[in-house]
Amino acid sequence: MAANFEVTCPCCESLIVVDRISGEVLMHTPRKSSGPPSLEAMVSQLASSKSDMARKFEKNLESQKDRGRILEEKFKEAMQRADKSDKPFLNPMDLD
């Protein structure tokens, strides 16, 4: 007789027992928690998330500064190409 699979969930770390033949979940055992986290652990987690958010904000702020300059350069290049083009502008409304 084949044994069942015992799988540990990567998200909640609970134990799941699966039947090898049918694939049905036979048992689900939630992970035993050690109680609420300590105040020091919560404060350190909050500080690390705060520094991560500050780092992401600075990165996005820098990308927005460069974005305006890059868009301005692209606009100037497009205007130069439009000025050099010999083909007249064709308005789609004039085709009716």
PDB file of N, CA and C in Angstrom:
ATOM      1  N   MET A   1       0.844  -1.183   0.000  1.00  0.00           N
ATOM      2  CA  MET A   1       0.000   0.000   0.000  1.00  0.00           C
ATOM      3  C   MET A   1       0.890   1.248   0.000  1.00  0.00           C
ATOM      4  N   ALA A   2       0.551   2.208  -0.794  1.00  0.00           N
ATOM      5  CA  ALA A   2       1.346   3.422  -0.918  1.00  0.00           C
ATOM      6  C   ALA A   2       1.086   4.359   0.257  1.00  0.00           C
ATOM      7  N   ALA A   3       2.132   5.038   0.691  1.00  0.00           N
ATOM      8  CA  ALA A   3       2.017   5.987   1.794  1.00  0.00           C
ATOM      9  C   ALA A   3       1.455   7.303   1.282  1.00  0.00           C
ATOM     10  N   ASN A   4       0.956   8.109   2.195  1.00  0.00           N
ATOM     11  CA  ASN A   4       0.411   9.412   1.838  1.00  0.00           C
ATOM     12  C   ASN A   4       1.532  10.440   1.780  1.00  0.00           C
ATOM     13  N   PHE A   5       1.255  11.534   1.048  1.00  0.00           N
ATOM     14  CA  PHE A   5       2.203  12.649   0.981  1.00  0.00           C
ATOM     15  C   PHE A   5       1.974  13.564   2.169  1.00  0.00           C
ATOM     16  N   GLU A   6       3.040  14.026   2.782  1.00  0.00           N
ATOM     17  CA  GLU A   6       2.967  15.053   3.807  1.00  0.00           C
ATOM     18  C   GLU A   6       3.667  16.285   3.262  1.00  0.00           C
ATOM     19  N   VAL A   7       2.904  17.359   3.103  1.00  0.00           N
ATOM     20  CA  VAL A   7       3.408  18.582   2.481  1.00  0.00           C
ATOM     21  C   VAL A   7       3.296  19.724   3.479  1.00  0.00           C
ATOM     22  N   THR A   8       4.326  20.544   3.547  1.00  0.00           N
ATOM     23  CA  THR A   8       4.287  21.742   4.373  1.00  0.00           C
ATOM     24  C   THR A   8       3.967  22.935   3.471  1.00  0.00           C
ATOM     25  N   CYS A   9       2.925  23.663   3.827  1.00  0.00           N
ATOM     26  CA  CYS A   9       2.495  24.815   3.033  1.00  0.00           C
ATOM     27  C   CYS A   9       3.557  25.913   3.106  1.00  0.00           C
ATOM     28  N   PRO A  10       4.008  26.453   1.951  1.00  0.00           N
ATOM     29  CA  PRO A  10       5.028  27.505   1.985  1.00  0.00           C
ATOM     30  C   PRO A  10       4.505  28.843   2.515  1.00  0.00           C
ATOM     31  N   CYS A  11       3.200  29.055   2.485  1.00  0.00           N
ATOM     32  CA  CYS A  11       2.651  30.332   2.949  1.00  0.00           C
ATOM     33  C   CYS A  11       2.407  30.345   4.453  1.00  0.00           C
ATOM     34  N   CYS A  12       1.626  29.365   4.924  1.00  0.00           N
ATOM     35  CA  CYS A  12       1.240  29.390   6.338  1.00  0.00           C
ATOM     36  C   CYS A  12       1.969  28.351   7.174  1.00  0.00           C
ATOM     37  N   GLU A  13       2.818  27.550   6.552  1.00  0.00           N
ATOM     38  CA  GLU A  13       3.631  26.531   7.214  1.00  0.00           C
ATOM     39  C   GLU A  13       2.798  25.494   7.948  1.00  0.00           C
ATOM     40  N   SER A  14       1.574  25.236   7.455  1.00  0.00           N
ATOM     41  CA  SER A  14       0.760  24.186   8.047  1.00  0.00           C
ATOM     42  C   SER A  14       1.087  22.857   7.364  1.00  0.00           C
ATOM     43  N   LEU A  15       0.744  21.741   8.034  1.00  0.00           N
ATOM     44  CA  LEU A  15       1.015  20.411   7.511  1.00  0.00           C
ATOM     45  C   LEU A  15      -0.224  19.925   6.783  1.00  0.00           C
ATOM     46  N   ILE A  16      -0.063  19.464   5.536  1.00  0.00           N
ATOM     47  CA  ILE A  16      -1.161  18.961   4.729  1.00  0.00           C
ATOM     48  C   ILE A  16      -0.834  17.522   4.360  1.00  0.00           C
ATOM     49  N   VAL A  17      -1.759  16.606   4.625  1.00  0.00           N
ATOM     50  CA  VAL A  17      -1.591  15.194   4.268  1.00  0.00           C
ATOM     51  C   VAL A  17      -2.489  14.926   3.071  1.00  0.00           C
ATOM     52  N   VAL A  18      -1.874  14.443   1.963  1.00  0.00           N
ATOM     53  CA  VAL A  18      -2.587  14.220   0.714  1.00  0.00           C
ATOM     54  C   VAL A  18      -2.534  12.741   0.370  1.00  0.00           C
ATOM     55  N   ASP A  19      -3.675  12.189  -0.072  1.00  0.00           N
ATOM     56  CA  ASP A  19      -3.728  10.798  -0.499  1.00  0.00           C
ATOM     57  C   ASP A  19      -2.968  10.661  -1.813  1.00  0.00           C
ATOM     58  N   ARG A  20      -2.063   9.696  -1.871  1.00  0.00           N
ATOM     59  CA  ARG A  20      -1.205   9.511  -3.032  1.00  0.00           C
ATOM     60  C   ARG A  20      -2.008   9.116  -4.281  1.00  0.00           C
ATOM     61  N   ILE A  21      -3.036   8.319  -4.139  1.00  0.00           N
ATOM     62  CA  ILE A  21      -3.772   7.795  -5.293  1.00  0.00           C
ATOM     63  C   ILE A  21      -4.845   8.774  -5.773  1.00  0.00           C
ATOM     64  N   SER A  22      -5.697   9.238  -4.879  1.00  0.00           N
ATOM     65  CA  SER A  22      -6.812  10.090  -5.306  1.00  0.00           C
ATOM     66  C   SER A  22      -6.447  11.568  -5.352  1.00  0.00           C
ATOM     67  N   GLY A  23      -5.426  11.993  -4.616  1.00  0.00           N
ATOM     68  CA  GLY A  23      -5.030  13.395  -4.590  1.00  0.00           C
ATOM     69  C   GLY A  23      -5.868  14.236  -3.652  1.00  0.00           C
ATOM     70  N   GLU A  24      -6.703  13.595  -2.847  1.00  0.00           N
ATOM     71  CA  GLU A  24      -7.548  14.328  -1.915  1.00  0.00           C
ATOM     72  C   GLU A  24      -6.758  14.710  -0.661  1.00  0.00           C
ATOM     73  N   VAL A  25      -7.121  15.845  -0.086  1.00  0.00           N
ATOM     74  CA  VAL A  25      -6.508  16.278   1.166  1.00  0.00           C
ATOM     75  C   VAL A  25      -7.166  15.499   2.287  1.00  0.00           C
ATOM     76  N   LEU A  26      -6.362  14.738   3.006  1.00  0.00           N
ATOM     77  CA  LEU A  26      -6.882  13.924   4.094  1.00  0.00           C
ATOM     78  C   LEU A  26      -6.888  14.670   5.425  1.00  0.00           C
ATOM     79  N   MET A  27      -5.864  15.504   5.641  1.00  0.00           N
ATOM     80  CA  MET A  27      -5.762  16.200   6.908  1.00  0.00           C
ATOM     81  C   MET A  27      -5.020  17.526   6.715  1.00  0.00           C
ATOM     82  N   HIS A  28      -5.458  18.521   7.453  1.00  0.00           N
ATOM     83  CA  HIS A  28      -4.805  19.825   7.430  1.00  0.00           C
ATOM     84  C   HIS A  28      -4.557  20.217   8.874  1.00  0.00           C
ATOM     85  N   THR A  29      -3.302  20.357   9.243  1.00  0.00           N
ATOM     86  CA  THR A  29      -2.943  20.716  10.611  1.00  0.00           C
ATOM     87  C   THR A  29      -2.296  22.092  10.600  1.00  0.00           C
ATOM     88  N   PRO A  30      -2.974  23.116  11.154  1.00  0.00           N
ATOM     89  CA  PRO A  30      -2.370  24.456  11.172  1.00  0.00           C
ATOM     90  C   PRO A  30      -1.117  24.492  12.040  1.00  0.00           C
ATOM     91  N   ARG A  31      -0.245  25.395  11.719  1.00  0.00           N
ATOM     92  CA  ARG A  31       1.003  25.553  12.470  1.00  0.00           C
ATOM     93  C   ARG A  31       0.685  26.071  13.856  1.00  0.00           C
ATOM     94  N   LYS A  32       1.387  25.553  14.807  1.00  0.00           N
ATOM     95  CA  LYS A  32       1.214  26.003  16.183  1.00  0.00           C
ATOM     96  C   LYS A  32       1.944  27.333  16.348  1.00  0.00           C
ATOM     97  N   SER A  33       1.186  28.357  16.718  1.00  0.00           N
ATOM     98  CA  SER A  33       1.813  29.665  16.907  1.00  0.00           C
ATOM     99  C   SER A  33       2.279  29.789  18.347  1.00  0.00           C
ATOM    100  N   SER A  34       3.323  30.545  18.530  1.00  0.00           N
ATOM    101  CA  SER A  34       3.880  30.729  19.869  1.00  0.00           C
ATOM    102  C   SER A  34       3.220  31.895  20.591  1.00  0.00           C
ATOM    103  N   GLY A  35       2.124  32.383  20.060  1.00  0.00           N
ATOM    104  CA  GLY A  35       1.436  33.508  20.691  1.00  0.00           C
ATOM    105  C   GLY A  35       1.728  34.785  19.919  1.00  0.00           C
ATOM    106  N   PRO A  36       1.241  35.894  20.432  1.00  0.00           N
ATOM    107  CA  PRO A  36       1.476  37.161  19.740  1.00  0.00           C
ATOM    108  C   PRO A  36       2.959  37.533  19.771  1.00  0.00           C
ATOM    109  N   PRO A  37       3.410  38.215  18.726  1.00  0.00           N
ATOM    110  CA  PRO A  37       4.824  38.609  18.691  1.00  0.00           C
ATOM    111  C   PRO A  37       5.134  39.626  19.793  1.00  0.00           C
ATOM    112  N   SER A  38       6.379  39.667  20.171  1.00  0.00           N
ATOM    113  CA  SER A  38       6.781  40.592  21.229  1.00  0.00           C
ATOM    114  C   SER A  38       6.800  42.023  20.687  1.00  0.00           C
ATOM    115  N   LEU A  39       6.773  42.956  21.586  1.00  0.00           N
ATOM    116  CA  LEU A  39       6.776  44.370  21.218  1.00  0.00           C
ATOM    117  C   LEU A  39       8.059  44.740  20.494  1.00  0.00           C
ATOM    118  N   GLU A  40       9.186  44.193  20.958  1.00  0.00           N
ATOM    119  CA  GLU A  40      10.472  44.488  20.308  1.00  0.00           C
ATOM    120  C   GLU A  40      10.492  43.976  18.870  1.00  0.00           C
ATOM    121  N   ALA A  41       9.925  42.777  18.644  1.00  0.00           N
ATOM    122  CA  ALA A  41       9.881  42.218  17.293  1.00  0.00           C
ATOM    123  C   ALA A  41       9.003  43.070  16.388  1.00  0.00           C
ATOM    124  N   MET A  42       7.871  43.534  16.928  1.00  0.00           N
ATOM    125  CA  MET A  42       6.984  44.375  16.125  1.00  0.00           C
ATOM    126  C   MET A  42       7.642  45.704  15.794  1.00  0.00           C
ATOM    127  N   VAL A  43       8.362  46.297  16.732  1.00  0.00           N
ATOM    128  CA  VAL A  43       9.037  47.578  16.499  1.00  0.00           C
ATOM    129  C   VAL A  43      10.141  47.415  15.468  1.00  0.00           C
ATOM    130  N   SER A  44      10.908  46.333  15.568  1.00  0.00           N
ATOM    131  CA  SER A  44      11.987  46.129  14.594  1.00  0.00           C
ATOM    132  C   SER A  44      11.425  45.868  13.206  1.00  0.00           C
ATOM    133  N   GLN A  45      10.303  45.134  13.120  1.00  0.00           N
ATOM    134  CA  GLN A  45       9.670  44.902  11.825  1.00  0.00           C
ATOM    135  C   GLN A  45       9.142  46.209  11.243  1.00  0.00           C
ATOM    136  N   LEU A  46       8.571  47.049  12.075  1.00  0.00           N
ATOM    137  CA  LEU A  46       8.067  48.344  11.628  1.00  0.00           C
ATOM    138  C   LEU A  46       9.207  49.234  11.144  1.00  0.00           C
ATOM    139  N   ALA A  47      10.334  49.223  11.851  1.00  0.00           N
ATOM    140  CA  ALA A  47      11.483  50.034  11.442  1.00  0.00           C
ATOM    141  C   ALA A  47      12.052  49.554  10.112  1.00  0.00           C
ATOM    142  N   SER A  48      12.123  48.242   9.915  1.00  0.00           N
ATOM    143  CA  SER A  48      12.652  47.731   8.647  1.00  0.00           C
ATOM    144  C   SER A  48      11.705  48.045   7.497  1.00  0.00           C
ATOM    145  N   SER A  49      10.391  47.928   7.724  1.00  0.00           N
ATOM    146  CA  SER A  49       9.452  48.260   6.653  1.00  0.00           C
ATOM    147  C   SER A  49       9.481  49.759   6.352  1.00  0.00           C
ATOM    148  N   LYS A  50       9.702  50.578   7.376  1.00  0.00           N
ATOM    149  CA  LYS A  50       9.788  52.034   7.177  1.00  0.00           C
ATOM    150  C   LYS A  50      11.007  52.384   6.328  1.00  0.00           C
ATOM    151  N   SER A  51      12.149  51.738   6.602  1.00  0.00           N
ATOM    152  CA  SER A  51      13.345  52.018   5.804  1.00  0.00           C
ATOM    153  C   SER A  51      13.178  51.508   4.373  1.00  0.00           C
ATOM    154  N   ASP A  52      12.492  50.365   4.190  1.00  0.00           N
ATOM    155  CA  ASP A  52      12.223  49.864   2.839  1.00  0.00           C
ATOM    156  C   ASP A  52      11.346  50.838   2.066  1.00  0.00           C
ATOM    157  N   MET A  53      10.317  51.363   2.714  1.00  0.00           N
ATOM    158  CA  MET A  53       9.426  52.316   2.051  1.00  0.00           C
ATOM    159  C   MET A  53      10.164  53.603   1.695  1.00  0.00           C
ATOM    160  N   ALA A  54      11.030  54.067   2.574  1.00  0.00           N
ATOM    161  CA  ALA A  54      11.798  55.282   2.295  1.00  0.00           C
ATOM    162  C   ALA A  54      12.726  55.060   1.105  1.00  0.00           C
ATOM    163  N   ARG A  55      13.339  53.883   1.037  1.00  0.00           N
ATOM    164  CA  ARG A  55      14.228  53.568  -0.081  1.00  0.00           C
ATOM    165  C   ARG A  55      13.450  53.515  -1.405  1.00  0.00           C
ATOM    166  N   LYS A  56      12.272  52.896  -1.382  1.00  0.00           N
ATOM    167  CA  LYS A  56      11.439  52.825  -2.591  1.00  0.00           C
ATOM    168  C   LYS A  56      10.980  54.217  -3.017  1.00  0.00           C
ATOM    169  N   PHE A  57      10.633  55.062  -2.041  1.00  0.00           N
ATOM    170  CA  PHE A  57      10.199  56.422  -2.354  1.00  0.00           C
ATOM    171  C   PHE A  57      11.315  57.210  -3.019  1.00  0.00           C
ATOM    172  N   GLU A  58      12.529  57.116  -2.484  1.00  0.00           N
ATOM    173  CA  GLU A  58      13.672  57.834  -3.066  1.00  0.00           C
ATOM    174  C   GLU A  58      13.944  57.345  -4.487  1.00  0.00           C
ATOM    175  N   LYS A  59      13.840  56.053  -4.706  1.00  0.00           N
ATOM    176  CA  LYS A  59      14.069  55.494  -6.039  1.00  0.00           C
ATOM    177  C   LYS A  59      13.036  56.021  -7.033  1.00  0.00           C
ATOM    178  N   ASN A  60      11.764  56.029  -6.630  1.00  0.00           N
ATOM    179  CA  ASN A  60      10.720  56.539  -7.508  1.00  0.00           C
ATOM    180  C   ASN A  60      10.852  58.039  -7.737  1.00  0.00           C
ATOM    181  N   LEU A  61      11.281  58.765  -6.733  1.00  0.00           N
ATOM    182  CA  LEU A  61      11.479  60.204  -6.877  1.00  0.00           C
ATOM    183  C   LEU A  61      12.574  60.494  -7.899  1.00  0.00           C
ATOM    184  N   GLU A  62      13.670  59.751  -7.840  1.00  0.00           N
ATOM    185  CA  GLU A  62      14.752  59.917  -8.811  1.00  0.00           C
ATOM    186  C   GLU A  62      14.292  59.571 -10.224  1.00  0.00           C
ATOM    187  N   SER A  63      13.507  58.519 -10.364  1.00  0.00           N
ATOM    188  CA  SER A  63      13.041  58.132 -11.700  1.00  0.00           C
ATOM    189  C   SER A  63      12.096  59.194 -12.267  1.00  0.00           C
ATOM    190  N   GLN A  64      11.311  59.857 -11.424  1.00  0.00           N
ATOM    191  CA  GLN A  64      10.420  60.905 -11.907  1.00  0.00           C
ATOM    192  C   GLN A  64      11.195  62.147 -12.344  1.00  0.00           C
ATOM    193  N   LYS A  65      12.309  62.446 -11.668  1.00  0.00           N
ATOM    194  CA  LYS A  65      13.130  63.594 -12.073  1.00  0.00           C
ATOM    195  C   LYS A  65      13.709  63.354 -13.462  1.00  0.00           C
ATOM    196  N   ASP A  66      14.224  62.161 -13.695  1.00  0.00           N
ATOM    197  CA  ASP A  66      14.787  61.828 -14.995  1.00  0.00           C
ATOM    198  C   ASP A  66      13.707  61.708 -16.061  1.00  0.00           C
ATOM    199  N   ARG A  67      12.531  61.299 -15.684  1.00  0.00           N
ATOM    200  CA  ARG A  67      11.446  61.080 -16.640  1.00  0.00           C
ATOM    201  C   ARG A  67      11.060  62.377 -17.347  1.00  0.00           C
ATOM    202  N   GLY A  68      10.977  63.463 -16.609  1.00  0.00           N
ATOM    203  CA  GLY A  68      10.617  64.738 -17.217  1.00  0.00           C
ATOM    204  C   GLY A  68      11.645  65.182 -18.247  1.00  0.00           C
ATOM    205  N   ARG A  69      12.912  65.021 -17.930  1.00  0.00           N
ATOM    206  CA  ARG A  69      13.979  65.402 -18.863  1.00  0.00           C
ATOM    207  C   ARG A  69      13.941  64.519 -20.102  1.00  0.00           C
ATOM    208  N   ILE A  70      13.762  63.221 -19.928  1.00  0.00           N
ATOM    209  CA  ILE A  70      13.734  62.294 -21.058  1.00  0.00           C
ATOM    210  C   ILE A  70      12.543  62.574 -21.962  1.00  0.00           C
ATOM    211  N   LEU A  71      11.381  62.833 -21.374  1.00  0.00           N
ATOM    212  CA  LEU A  71      10.198  63.132 -22.188  1.00  0.00           C
ATOM    213  C   LEU A  71      10.370  64.436 -22.959  1.00  0.00           C
ATOM    214  N   GLU A  72      11.009  65.420 -22.354  1.00  0.00           N
ATOM    215  CA  GLU A  72      11.265  66.685 -23.034  1.00  0.00           C
ATOM    216  C   GLU A  72      12.179  66.481 -24.235  1.00  0.00           C
ATOM    217  N   GLU A  73      13.231  65.654 -24.072  1.00  0.00           N
ATOM    218  CA  GLU A  73      14.150  65.358 -25.185  1.00  0.00           C
ATOM    219  C   GLU A  73      13.428  64.623 -26.307  1.00  0.00           C
ATOM    220  N   LYS A  74      12.593  63.660 -25.965  1.00  0.00           N
ATOM    221  CA  LYS A  74      11.845  62.920 -26.986  1.00  0.00           C
ATOM    222  C   LYS A  74      10.886  63.832 -27.732  1.00  0.00           C
ATOM    223  N   PHE A  75      10.266  64.758 -27.016  1.00  0.00           N
ATOM    224  CA  PHE A  75       9.352  65.691 -27.654  1.00  0.00           C
ATOM    225  C   PHE A  75      10.095  66.583 -28.643  1.00  0.00           C
ATOM    226  N   LYS A  76      11.263  67.081 -28.264  1.00  0.00           N
ATOM    227  CA  LYS A  76      12.051  67.926 -29.160  1.00  0.00           C
ATOM    228  C   LYS A  76      12.485  67.152 -30.396  1.00  0.00           C
ATOM    229  N   GLU A  77      12.894  65.890 -30.227  1.00  0.00           N
ATOM    230  CA  GLU A  77      13.284  65.069 -31.370  1.00  0.00           C
ATOM    231  C   GLU A  77      12.104  64.844 -32.308  1.00  0.00           C
ATOM    232  N   ALA A  78      10.926  64.599 -31.756  1.00  0.00           N
ATOM    233  CA  ALA A  78       9.736  64.384 -32.584  1.00  0.00           C
ATOM    234  C   ALA A  78       9.367  65.656 -33.337  1.00  0.00           C
ATOM    235  N   MET A  79       9.526  66.803 -32.685  1.00  0.00           N
ATOM    236  CA  MET A  79       9.230  68.066 -33.368  1.00  0.00           C
ATOM    237  C   MET A  79      10.207  68.315 -34.510  1.00  0.00           C
ATOM    238  N   GLN A  80      11.479  67.989 -34.316  1.00  0.00           N
ATOM    239  CA  GLN A  80      12.476  68.145 -35.384  1.00  0.00           C
ATOM    240  C   GLN A  80      12.153  67.217 -36.551  1.00  0.00           C
ATOM    241  N   ARG A  81      11.769  65.985 -36.271  1.00  0.00           N
ATOM    242  CA  ARG A  81      11.410  65.055 -37.353  1.00  0.00           C
ATOM    243  C   ARG A  81      10.178  65.541 -38.098  1.00  0.00           C
ATOM    244  N   ALA A  82       9.220  66.113 -37.372  1.00  0.00           N
ATOM    245  CA  ALA A  82       8.005  66.616 -38.009  1.00  0.00           C
ATOM    246  C   ALA A  82       8.326  67.812 -38.894  1.00  0.00           C
ATOM    247  N   ASP A  83       9.261  68.656 -38.483  1.00  0.00           N
ATOM    248  CA  ASP A  83       9.641  69.819 -39.281  1.00  0.00           C
ATOM    249  C   ASP A  83      10.376  69.385 -40.550  1.00  0.00           C
ATOM    250  N   LYS A  84      11.181  68.338 -40.470  1.00  0.00           N
ATOM    251  CA  LYS A  84      11.958  67.867 -41.610  1.00  0.00           C
ATOM    252  C   LYS A  84      11.127  67.044 -42.587  1.00  0.00           C
ATOM    253  N   SER A  85       9.992  66.551 -42.161  1.00  0.00           N
ATOM    254  CA  SER A  85       9.186  65.679 -43.005  1.00  0.00           C
ATOM    255  C   SER A  85       8.572  66.472 -44.158  1.00  0.00           C
ATOM    256  N   ASP A  86       8.636  65.907 -45.379  1.00  0.00           N
ATOM    257  CA  ASP A  86       8.048  66.528 -46.564  1.00  0.00           C
ATOM    258  C   ASP A  86       6.584  66.138 -46.733  1.00  0.00           C
ATOM    259  N   LYS A  87       6.171  65.105 -46.072  1.00  0.00           N
ATOM    260  CA  LYS A  87       4.814  64.598 -46.209  1.00  0.00           C
ATOM    261  C   LYS A  87       3.857  65.506 -45.433  1.00  0.00           C
ATOM    262  N   PRO A  88       2.797  66.008 -46.064  1.00  0.00           N
ATOM    263  CA  PRO A  88       1.862  66.879 -45.348  1.00  0.00           C
ATOM    264  C   PRO A  88       1.057  66.087 -44.324  1.00  0.00           C
ATOM    265  N   PHE A  89       0.607  66.793 -43.329  1.00  0.00           N
ATOM    266  CA  PHE A  89      -0.187  66.173 -42.277  1.00  0.00           C
ATOM    267  C   PHE A  89      -1.535  65.769 -42.840  1.00  0.00           C
ATOM    268  N   LEU A  90      -1.935  64.529 -42.575  1.00  0.00           N
ATOM    269  CA  LEU A  90      -3.197  64.022 -43.059  1.00  0.00           C
ATOM    270  C   LEU A  90      -4.143  63.856 -41.877  1.00  0.00           C
ATOM    271  N   ASN A  91      -5.169  64.679 -41.849  1.00  0.00           N
ATOM    272  CA  ASN A  91      -6.146  64.638 -40.779  1.00  0.00           C
ATOM    273  C   ASN A  91      -7.120  63.493 -41.051  1.00  0.00           C
ATOM    274  N   PRO A  92      -7.309  62.580 -40.129  1.00  0.00           N
ATOM    275  CA  PRO A  92      -8.221  61.456 -40.350  1.00  0.00           C
ATOM    276  C   PRO A  92      -9.661  61.892 -40.586  1.00  0.00           C
ATOM    277  N   MET A  93     -10.028  63.072 -40.115  1.00  0.00           N
ATOM    278  CA  MET A  93     -11.396  63.558 -40.332  1.00  0.00           C
ATOM    279  C   MET A  93     -11.627  64.008 -41.768  1.00  0.00           C
ATOM    280  N   ASP A  94     -10.545  64.312 -42.475  1.00  0.00           N
ATOM    281  CA  ASP A  94     -10.680  64.744 -43.871  1.00  0.00           C
ATOM    282  C   ASP A  94     -10.929  63.571 -44.812  1.00  0.00           C
ATOM    283  N   LEU A  95     -10.767  62.371 -44.344  1.00  0.00           N
ATOM    284  CA  LEU A  95     -10.944  61.208 -45.212  1.00  0.00           C
ATOM    285  C   LEU A  95     -12.400  60.855 -45.455  1.00  0.00           C
ATOM    286  N   ASP A  96     -13.295  61.385 -44.662  1.00  0.00           N
ATOM    287  CA  ASP A  96     -14.733  61.067 -44.832  1.00  0.00           C
ATOM    288  C   ASP A  96     -15.317  61.696 -46.032  1.00  0.00           C
TER     289      ASP A  96
END
